[in-house]
Amino acid sequence: MSIPIAVSAIALAYNLPDVPELKLSRTTSADIFLGKITTWDDPRIAADNPGVELPELPIRLVVRADASGESMILTGFVA
């Protein structure tokens, strides 16, 4: 039997000053972390955000380098 003793949340943040609200589907988010989507103007991101003008800029991932519960959760999410 296991009893959960803590809860952890993962937030995906972005820095696009001209895009105040960005929506990413689970598939789109996973494809970003898998390296399948590399620019903000990718058609899959555009499909999640109809009518939003997305910049032709590279996506730069900033992630933890050490082993952590959050890293394990994120790895399972994109698998």
PDB file of N, CA and C in Angstrom:
ATOM      1  N   MET A   1       0.846  -1.161   0.000  1.00  0.00           N
ATOM      2  CA  MET A   1       0.000   0.000   0.000  1.00  0.00           C
ATOM      3  C   MET A   1       0.900   1.235   0.000  1.00  0.00           C
ATOM      4  N   SER A   2       0.520   2.209  -0.771  1.00  0.00           N
ATOM      5  CA  SER A   2       1.251   3.476  -0.761  1.00  0.00           C
ATOM      6  C   SER A   2       0.304   4.604  -0.387  1.00  0.00           C
ATOM      7  N   ILE A   3       0.844   5.532   0.353  1.00  0.00           N
ATOM      8  CA  ILE A   3       0.059   6.684   0.789  1.00  0.00           C
ATOM      9  C   ILE A   3       0.759   7.936   0.280  1.00  0.00           C
ATOM     10  N   PRO A   4       0.109   8.697  -0.594  1.00  0.00           N
ATOM     11  CA  PRO A   4       0.753   9.919  -1.094  1.00  0.00           C
ATOM     12  C   PRO A   4       0.921  10.934   0.037  1.00  0.00           C
ATOM     13  N   ILE A   5       2.123  11.528   0.091  1.00  0.00           N
ATOM     14  CA  ILE A   5       2.377  12.506   1.148  1.00  0.00           C
ATOM     15  C   ILE A   5       2.659  13.900   0.610  1.00  0.00           C
ATOM     16  N   ALA A   6       2.757  14.005  -0.701  1.00  0.00           N
ATOM     17  CA  ALA A   6       3.044  15.321  -1.286  1.00  0.00           C
ATOM     18  C   ALA A   6       2.411  15.409  -2.666  1.00  0.00           C
ATOM     19  N   VAL A   7       2.203  16.609  -3.081  1.00  0.00           N
ATOM     20  CA  VAL A   7       1.670  16.870  -4.413  1.00  0.00           C
ATOM     21  C   VAL A   7       2.619  17.843  -5.092  1.00  0.00           C
ATOM     22  N   SER A   8       2.868  17.607  -6.364  1.00  0.00           N
ATOM     23  CA  SER A   8       3.772  18.490  -7.105  1.00  0.00           C
ATOM     24  C   SER A   8       3.101  18.896  -8.404  1.00  0.00           C
ATOM     25  N   ALA A   9       3.308  20.125  -8.791  1.00  0.00           N
ATOM     26  CA  ALA A   9       2.744  20.622 -10.050  1.00  0.00           C
ATOM     27  C   ALA A   9       3.880  21.067 -10.959  1.00  0.00           C
ATOM     28  N   ILE A  10       3.650  20.940 -12.237  1.00  0.00           N
ATOM     29  CA  ILE A  10       4.616  21.399 -13.231  1.00  0.00           C
ATOM     30  C   ILE A  10       3.942  22.480 -14.057  1.00  0.00           C
ATOM     31  N   ALA A  11       4.601  23.600 -14.194  1.00  0.00           N
ATOM     32  CA  ALA A  11       4.073  24.706 -14.999  1.00  0.00           C
ATOM     33  C   ALA A  11       4.949  24.883 -16.226  1.00  0.00           C
ATOM     34  N   LEU A  12       4.307  25.066 -17.354  1.00  0.00           N
ATOM     35  CA  LEU A  12       5.029  25.380 -18.583  1.00  0.00           C
ATOM     36  C   LEU A  12       4.934  26.887 -18.783  1.00  0.00           C
ATOM     37  N   ALA A  13       6.063  27.550 -18.808  1.00  0.00           N
ATOM     38  CA  ALA A  13       6.100  29.004 -18.964  1.00  0.00           C
ATOM     39  C   ALA A  13       6.688  29.350 -20.327  1.00  0.00           C
ATOM     40  N   TYR A  14       6.342  30.517 -20.820  1.00  0.00           N
ATOM     41  CA  TYR A  14       6.877  30.985 -22.095  1.00  0.00           C
ATOM     42  C   TYR A  14       7.095  32.485 -22.011  1.00  0.00           C
ATOM     43  N   ASN A  15       7.941  33.011 -22.900  1.00  0.00           N
ATOM     44  CA  ASN A  15       8.233  34.441 -22.917  1.00  0.00           C
ATOM     45  C   ASN A  15       8.070  34.961 -24.342  1.00  0.00           C
ATOM     46  N   LEU A  16       6.848  35.309 -24.677  1.00  0.00           N
ATOM     47  CA  LEU A  16       6.526  35.916 -25.970  1.00  0.00           C
ATOM     48  C   LEU A  16       5.722  37.178 -25.670  1.00  0.00           C
ATOM     49  N   PRO A  17       6.392  38.338 -25.582  1.00  0.00           N
ATOM     50  CA  PRO A  17       5.717  39.570 -25.160  1.00  0.00           C
ATOM     51  C   PRO A  17       4.469  39.931 -25.969  1.00  0.00           C
ATOM     52  N   ASP A  18       4.436  39.592 -27.250  1.00  0.00           N
ATOM     53  CA  ASP A  18       3.285  39.943 -28.082  1.00  0.00           C
ATOM     54  C   ASP A  18       2.181  38.885 -28.058  1.00  0.00           C
ATOM     55  N   VAL A  19       2.368  37.835 -27.269  1.00  0.00           N
ATOM     56  CA  VAL A  19       1.369  36.764 -27.158  1.00  0.00           C
ATOM     57  C   VAL A  19       0.984  36.644 -25.680  1.00  0.00           C
ATOM     58  N   PRO A  20      -0.075  37.362 -25.266  1.00  0.00           N
ATOM     59  CA  PRO A  20      -0.430  37.375 -23.845  1.00  0.00           C
ATOM     60  C   PRO A  20      -1.003  36.055 -23.330  1.00  0.00           C
ATOM     61  N   GLU A  21      -1.612  35.275 -24.212  1.00  0.00           N
ATOM     62  CA  GLU A  21      -2.184  33.990 -23.799  1.00  0.00           C
ATOM     63  C   GLU A  21      -1.873  32.947 -24.852  1.00  0.00           C
ATOM     64  N   LEU A  22      -1.274  31.849 -24.430  1.00  0.00           N
ATOM     65  CA  LEU A  22      -0.898  30.779 -25.346  1.00  0.00           C
ATOM     66  C   LEU A  22      -1.507  29.480 -24.837  1.00  0.00           C
ATOM     67  N   LYS A  23      -2.124  28.729 -25.727  1.00  0.00           N
ATOM     68  CA  LYS A  23      -2.696  27.436 -25.377  1.00  0.00           C
ATOM     69  C   LYS A  23      -1.892  26.358 -26.090  1.00  0.00           C
ATOM     70  N   LEU A  24      -1.590  25.283 -25.365  1.00  0.00           N
ATOM     71  CA  LEU A  24      -0.864  24.157 -25.944  1.00  0.00           C
ATOM     72  C   LEU A  24      -1.586  22.871 -25.570  1.00  0.00           C
ATOM     73  N   SER A  25      -1.922  22.073 -26.575  1.00  0.00           N
ATOM     74  CA  SER A  25      -2.532  20.781 -26.297  1.00  0.00           C
ATOM     75  C   SER A  25      -1.477  19.860 -25.692  1.00  0.00           C
ATOM     76  N   ARG A  26      -1.927  18.770 -25.129  1.00  0.00           N
ATOM     77  CA  ARG A  26      -0.984  17.794 -24.560  1.00  0.00           C
ATOM     78  C   ARG A  26      -0.024  17.303 -25.634  1.00  0.00           C
ATOM     79  N   THR A  27      -0.535  16.994 -26.824  1.00  0.00           N
ATOM     80  CA  THR A  27       0.309  16.503 -27.911  1.00  0.00           C
ATOM     81  C   THR A  27       1.322  17.555 -28.338  1.00  0.00           C
ATOM     82  N   THR A  28       0.878  18.800 -28.472  1.00  0.00           N
ATOM     83  CA  THR A  28       1.784  19.878 -28.863  1.00  0.00           C
ATOM     84  C   THR A  28       2.860  20.075 -27.809  1.00  0.00           C
ATOM     85  N   SER A  29       2.480  20.087 -26.540  1.00  0.00           N
ATOM     86  CA  SER A  29       3.456  20.234 -25.457  1.00  0.00           C
ATOM     87  C   SER A  29       4.494  19.120 -25.503  1.00  0.00           C
ATOM     88  N   ALA A  30       4.026  17.890 -25.666  1.00  0.00           N
ATOM     89  CA  ALA A  30       4.945  16.752 -25.731  1.00  0.00           C
ATOM     90  C   ALA A  30       5.885  16.886 -26.920  1.00  0.00           C
ATOM     91  N   ASP A  31       5.358  17.294 -28.073  1.00  0.00           N
ATOM     92  CA  ASP A  31       6.199  17.435 -29.266  1.00  0.00           C
ATOM     93  C   ASP A  31       7.257  18.521 -29.096  1.00  0.00           C
ATOM     94  N   ILE A  32       6.965  19.551 -28.330  1.00  0.00           N
ATOM     95  CA  ILE A  32       7.975  20.572 -28.035  1.00  0.00           C
ATOM     96  C   ILE A  32       9.104  19.938 -27.227  1.00  0.00           C
ATOM     97  N   PHE A  33       8.770  19.203 -26.176  1.00  0.00           N
ATOM     98  CA  PHE A  33       9.800  18.596 -25.333  1.00  0.00           C
ATOM     99  C   PHE A  33      10.532  17.457 -26.026  1.00  0.00           C
ATOM    100  N   LEU A  34       9.917  16.833 -27.007  1.00  0.00           N
ATOM    101  CA  LEU A  34      10.582  15.782 -27.776  1.00  0.00           C
ATOM    102  C   LEU A  34      11.429  16.347 -28.913  1.00  0.00           C
ATOM    103  N   GLY A  35      11.385  17.655 -29.121  1.00  0.00           N
ATOM    104  CA  GLY A  35      12.179  18.282 -30.177  1.00  0.00           C
ATOM    105  C   GLY A  35      11.548  18.201 -31.552  1.00  0.00           C
ATOM    106  N   LYS A  36      10.276  17.808 -31.620  1.00  0.00           N
ATOM    107  CA  LYS A  36       9.575  17.731 -32.905  1.00  0.00           C
ATOM    108  C   LYS A  36       9.053  19.094 -33.346  1.00  0.00           C
ATOM    109  N   ILE A  37       8.839  19.992 -32.401  1.00  0.00           N
ATOM    110  CA  ILE A  37       8.429  21.374 -32.675  1.00  0.00           C
ATOM    111  C   ILE A  37       9.545  22.263 -32.152  1.00  0.00           C
ATOM    112  N   THR A  38      10.112  23.104 -33.030  1.00  0.00           N
ATOM    113  CA  THR A  38      11.286  23.889 -32.635  1.00  0.00           C
ATOM    114  C   THR A  38      11.103  25.395 -32.774  1.00  0.00           C
ATOM    115  N   THR A  39      10.001  25.835 -33.386  1.00  0.00           N
ATOM    116  CA  THR A  39       9.754  27.274 -33.519  1.00  0.00           C
ATOM    117  C   THR A  39       8.330  27.591 -33.079  1.00  0.00           C
ATOM    118  N   TRP A  40       8.139  28.831 -32.611  1.00  0.00           N
ATOM    119  CA  TRP A  40       6.831  29.233 -32.097  1.00  0.00           C
ATOM    120  C   TRP A  40       5.764  29.325 -33.180  1.00  0.00           C
ATOM    121  N   ASP A  41       6.157  29.516 -34.431  1.00  0.00           N
ATOM    122  CA  ASP A  41       5.157  29.631 -35.497  1.00  0.00           C
ATOM    123  C   ASP A  41       4.823  28.283 -36.138  1.00  0.00           C
ATOM    124  N   ASP A  42       5.176  27.199 -35.496  1.00  0.00           N
ATOM    125  CA  ASP A  42       4.872  25.862 -36.012  1.00  0.00           C
ATOM    126  C   ASP A  42       3.354  25.727 -36.206  1.00  0.00           C
ATOM    127  N   PRO A  43       2.933  25.078 -37.284  1.00  0.00           N
ATOM    128  CA  PRO A  43       1.493  24.931 -37.556  1.00  0.00           C
ATOM    129  C   PRO A  43       0.712  24.248 -36.431  1.00  0.00           C
ATOM    130  N   ARG A  44       1.345  23.367 -35.675  1.00  0.00           N
ATOM    131  CA  ARG A  44       0.641  22.689 -34.574  1.00  0.00           C
ATOM    132  C   ARG A  44       0.349  23.653 -33.426  1.00  0.00           C
ATOM    133  N   ILE A  45       1.274  24.576 -33.162  1.00  0.00           N
ATOM    134  CA  ILE A  45       1.007  25.592 -32.138  1.00  0.00           C
ATOM    135  C   ILE A  45      -0.058  26.555 -32.655  1.00  0.00           C
ATOM    136  N   ALA A  46       0.030  26.910 -33.939  1.00  0.00           N
ATOM    137  CA  ALA A  46      -0.970  27.796 -34.543  1.00  0.00           C
ATOM    138  C   ALA A  46      -2.363  27.164 -34.484  1.00  0.00           C
ATOM    139  N   ALA A  47      -2.447  25.855 -34.693  1.00  0.00           N
ATOM    140  CA  ALA A  47      -3.746  25.174 -34.643  1.00  0.00           C
ATOM    141  C   ALA A  47      -4.349  25.221 -33.236  1.00  0.00           C
ATOM    142  N   ASP A  48      -3.506  25.227 -32.212  1.00  0.00           N
ATOM    143  CA  ASP A  48      -3.982  25.332 -30.828  1.00  0.00           C
ATOM    144  C   ASP A  48      -4.394  26.757 -30.473  1.00  0.00           C
ATOM    145  N   ASN A  49      -3.983  27.735 -31.304  1.00  0.00           N
ATOM    146  CA  ASN A  49      -4.200  29.158 -31.012  1.00  0.00           C
ATOM    147  C   ASN A  49      -4.714  29.897 -32.242  1.00  0.00           C
ATOM    148  N   PRO A  50      -5.920  29.561 -32.726  1.00  0.00           N
ATOM    149  CA  PRO A  50      -6.434  30.206 -33.934  1.00  0.00           C
ATOM    150  C   PRO A  50      -6.519  31.723 -33.775  1.00  0.00           C
ATOM    151  N   GLY A  51      -6.081  32.425 -34.811  1.00  0.00           N
ATOM    152  CA  GLY A  51      -6.151  33.881 -34.822  1.00  0.00           C
ATOM    153  C   GLY A  51      -5.000  34.575 -34.120  1.00  0.00           C
ATOM    154  N   VAL A  52      -4.103  33.823 -33.502  1.00  0.00           N
ATOM    155  CA  VAL A  52      -2.960  34.417 -32.801  1.00  0.00           C
ATOM    156  C   VAL A  52      -1.777  34.477 -33.760  1.00  0.00           C
ATOM    157  N   GLU A  53      -1.155  35.643 -33.857  1.00  0.00           N
ATOM    158  CA  GLU A  53       0.032  35.794 -34.701  1.00  0.00           C
ATOM    159  C   GLU A  53       1.252  35.360 -33.898  1.00  0.00           C
ATOM    160  N   LEU A  54       1.840  34.245 -34.311  1.00  0.00           N
ATOM    161  CA  LEU A  54       2.977  33.676 -33.592  1.00  0.00           C
ATOM    162  C   LEU A  54       4.284  34.075 -34.269  1.00  0.00           C
ATOM    163  N   PRO A  55       5.306  34.408 -33.487  1.00  0.00           N
ATOM    164  CA  PRO A  55       6.572  34.841 -34.070  1.00  0.00           C
ATOM    165  C   PRO A  55       7.394  33.668 -34.606  1.00  0.00           C
ATOM    166  N   GLU A  56       8.189  33.954 -35.615  1.00  0.00           N
ATOM    167  CA  GLU A  56       9.101  32.956 -36.171  1.00  0.00           C
ATOM    168  C   GLU A  56      10.391  32.997 -35.342  1.00  0.00           C
ATOM    169  N   LEU A  57      10.298  32.429 -34.144  1.00  0.00           N
ATOM    170  CA  LEU A  57      11.423  32.412 -33.211  1.00  0.00           C
ATOM    171  C   LEU A  57      11.659  30.986 -32.725  1.00  0.00           C
ATOM    172  N   PRO A  58      12.904  30.653 -32.407  1.00  0.00           N
ATOM    173  CA  PRO A  58      13.170  29.309 -31.883  1.00  0.00           C
ATOM    174  C   PRO A  58      12.617  29.148 -30.470  1.00  0.00           C
ATOM    175  N   ILE A  59      12.214  27.933 -30.166  1.00  0.00           N
ATOM    176  CA  ILE A  59      11.795  27.593 -28.811  1.00  0.00           C
ATOM    177  C   ILE A  59      13.046  27.140 -28.067  1.00  0.00           C
ATOM    178  N   ARG A  60      13.280  27.742 -26.923  1.00  0.00           N
ATOM    179  CA  ARG A  60      14.432  27.366 -26.096  1.00  0.00           C
ATOM    180  C   ARG A  60      13.906  26.756 -24.801  1.00  0.00           C
ATOM    181  N   LEU A  61      14.196  25.481 -24.607  1.00  0.00           N
ATOM    182  CA  LEU A  61      13.741  24.793 -23.404  1.00  0.00           C
ATOM    183  C   LEU A  61      14.691  25.065 -22.250  1.00  0.00           C
ATOM    184  N   VAL A  62      14.121  25.311 -21.102  1.00  0.00           N
ATOM    185  CA  VAL A  62      14.885  25.461 -19.865  1.00  0.00           C
ATOM    186  C   VAL A  62      14.322  24.428 -18.894  1.00  0.00           C
ATOM    187  N   VAL A  63      15.127  23.435 -18.575  1.00  0.00           N
ATOM    188  CA  VAL A  63      14.663  22.338 -17.722  1.00  0.00           C
ATOM    189  C   VAL A  63      15.692  22.049 -16.635  1.00  0.00           C
ATOM    190  N   ARG A  64      15.268  21.341 -15.630  1.00  0.00           N
ATOM    191  CA  ARG A  64      16.184  20.923 -14.564  1.00  0.00           C
ATOM    192  C   ARG A  64      17.142  19.878 -15.099  1.00  0.00           C
ATOM    193  N   ALA A  65      18.393  19.951 -14.672  1.00  0.00           N
ATOM    194  CA  ALA A  65      19.399  18.987 -15.098  1.00  0.00           C
ATOM    195  C   ALA A  65      19.521  17.827 -14.106  1.00  0.00           C
ATOM    196  N   ASP A  66      19.112  18.050 -12.872  1.00  0.00           N
ATOM    197  CA  ASP A  66      19.248  17.010 -11.862  1.00  0.00           C
ATOM    198  C   ASP A  66      18.041  16.080 -11.873  1.00  0.00           C
ATOM    199  N   ALA A  67      18.203  14.955 -11.210  1.00  0.00           N
ATOM    200  CA  ALA A  67      17.095  14.008 -11.097  1.00  0.00           C
ATOM    201  C   ALA A  67      16.091  14.558 -10.082  1.00  0.00           C
ATOM    202  N   SER A  68      14.830  14.531 -10.457  1.00  0.00           N
ATOM    203  CA  SER A  68      13.794  15.024  -9.553  1.00  0.00           C
ATOM    204  C   SER A  68      12.481  14.338  -9.885  1.00  0.00           C
ATOM    205  N   GLY A  69      11.560  14.413  -8.962  1.00  0.00           N
ATOM    206  CA  GLY A  69      10.232  13.860  -9.218  1.00  0.00           C
ATOM    207  C   GLY A  69       9.552  14.545 -10.378  1.00  0.00           C
ATOM    208  N   GLU A  70       9.759  15.859 -10.489  1.00  0.00           N
ATOM    209  CA  GLU A  70       9.157  16.608 -11.591  1.00  0.00           C
ATOM    210  C   GLU A  70       9.711  16.142 -12.934  1.00  0.00           C
ATOM    211  N   SER A  71      11.023  15.888 -12.993  1.00  0.00           N
ATOM    212  CA  SER A  71      11.623  15.399 -14.241  1.00  0.00           C
ATOM    213  C   SER A  71      11.039  14.046 -14.622  1.00  0.00           C
ATOM    214  N   MET A  72      10.829  13.181 -13.631  1.00  0.00           N
ATOM    215  CA  MET A  72      10.251  11.868 -13.885  1.00  0.00           C
ATOM    216  C   MET A  72       8.820  12.006 -14.415  1.00  0.00           C
ATOM    217  N   ILE A  73       8.044  12.900 -13.824  1.00  0.00           N
ATOM    218  CA  ILE A  73       6.669  13.118 -14.273  1.00  0.00           C
ATOM    219  C   ILE A  73       6.653  13.633 -15.706  1.00  0.00           C
ATOM    220  N   LEU A  74       7.508  14.604 -16.008  1.00  0.00           N
ATOM    221  CA  LEU A  74       7.553  15.176 -17.353  1.00  0.00           C
ATOM    222  C   LEU A  74       8.007  14.136 -18.370  1.00  0.00           C
ATOM    223  N   THR A  75       8.970  13.298 -18.011  1.00  0.00           N
ATOM    224  CA  THR A  75       9.425  12.233 -18.905  1.00  0.00           C
ATOM    225  C   THR A  75       8.282  11.274 -19.210  1.00  0.00           C
ATOM    226  N   GLY A  76       7.505  10.921 -18.211  1.00  0.00           N
ATOM    227  CA  GLY A  76       6.348  10.053 -18.430  1.00  0.00           C
ATOM    228  C   GLY A  76       5.286  10.711 -19.285  1.00  0.00           C
ATOM    229  N   PHE A  77       5.137  12.013 -19.146  1.00  0.00           N
ATOM    230  CA  PHE A  77       4.150  12.773 -19.913  1.00  0.00           C
ATOM    231  C   PHE A  77       4.450  12.740 -21.407  1.00  0.00           C
ATOM    232  N   VAL A  78       5.730  12.872 -21.774  1.00  0.00           N
ATOM    233  CA  VAL A  78       6.071  12.940 -23.197  1.00  0.00           C
ATOM    234  C   VAL A  78       6.289  11.564 -23.814  1.00  0.00           C
ATOM    235  N   ALA A  79       6.362  10.528 -22.992  1.00  0.00           N
ATOM    236  CA  ALA A  79       6.608   9.174 -23.515  1.00  0.00           C
ATOM    237  C   ALA A  79       5.403   8.633 -24.252  1.00  0.00           C
TER     238      ALA A  79
END
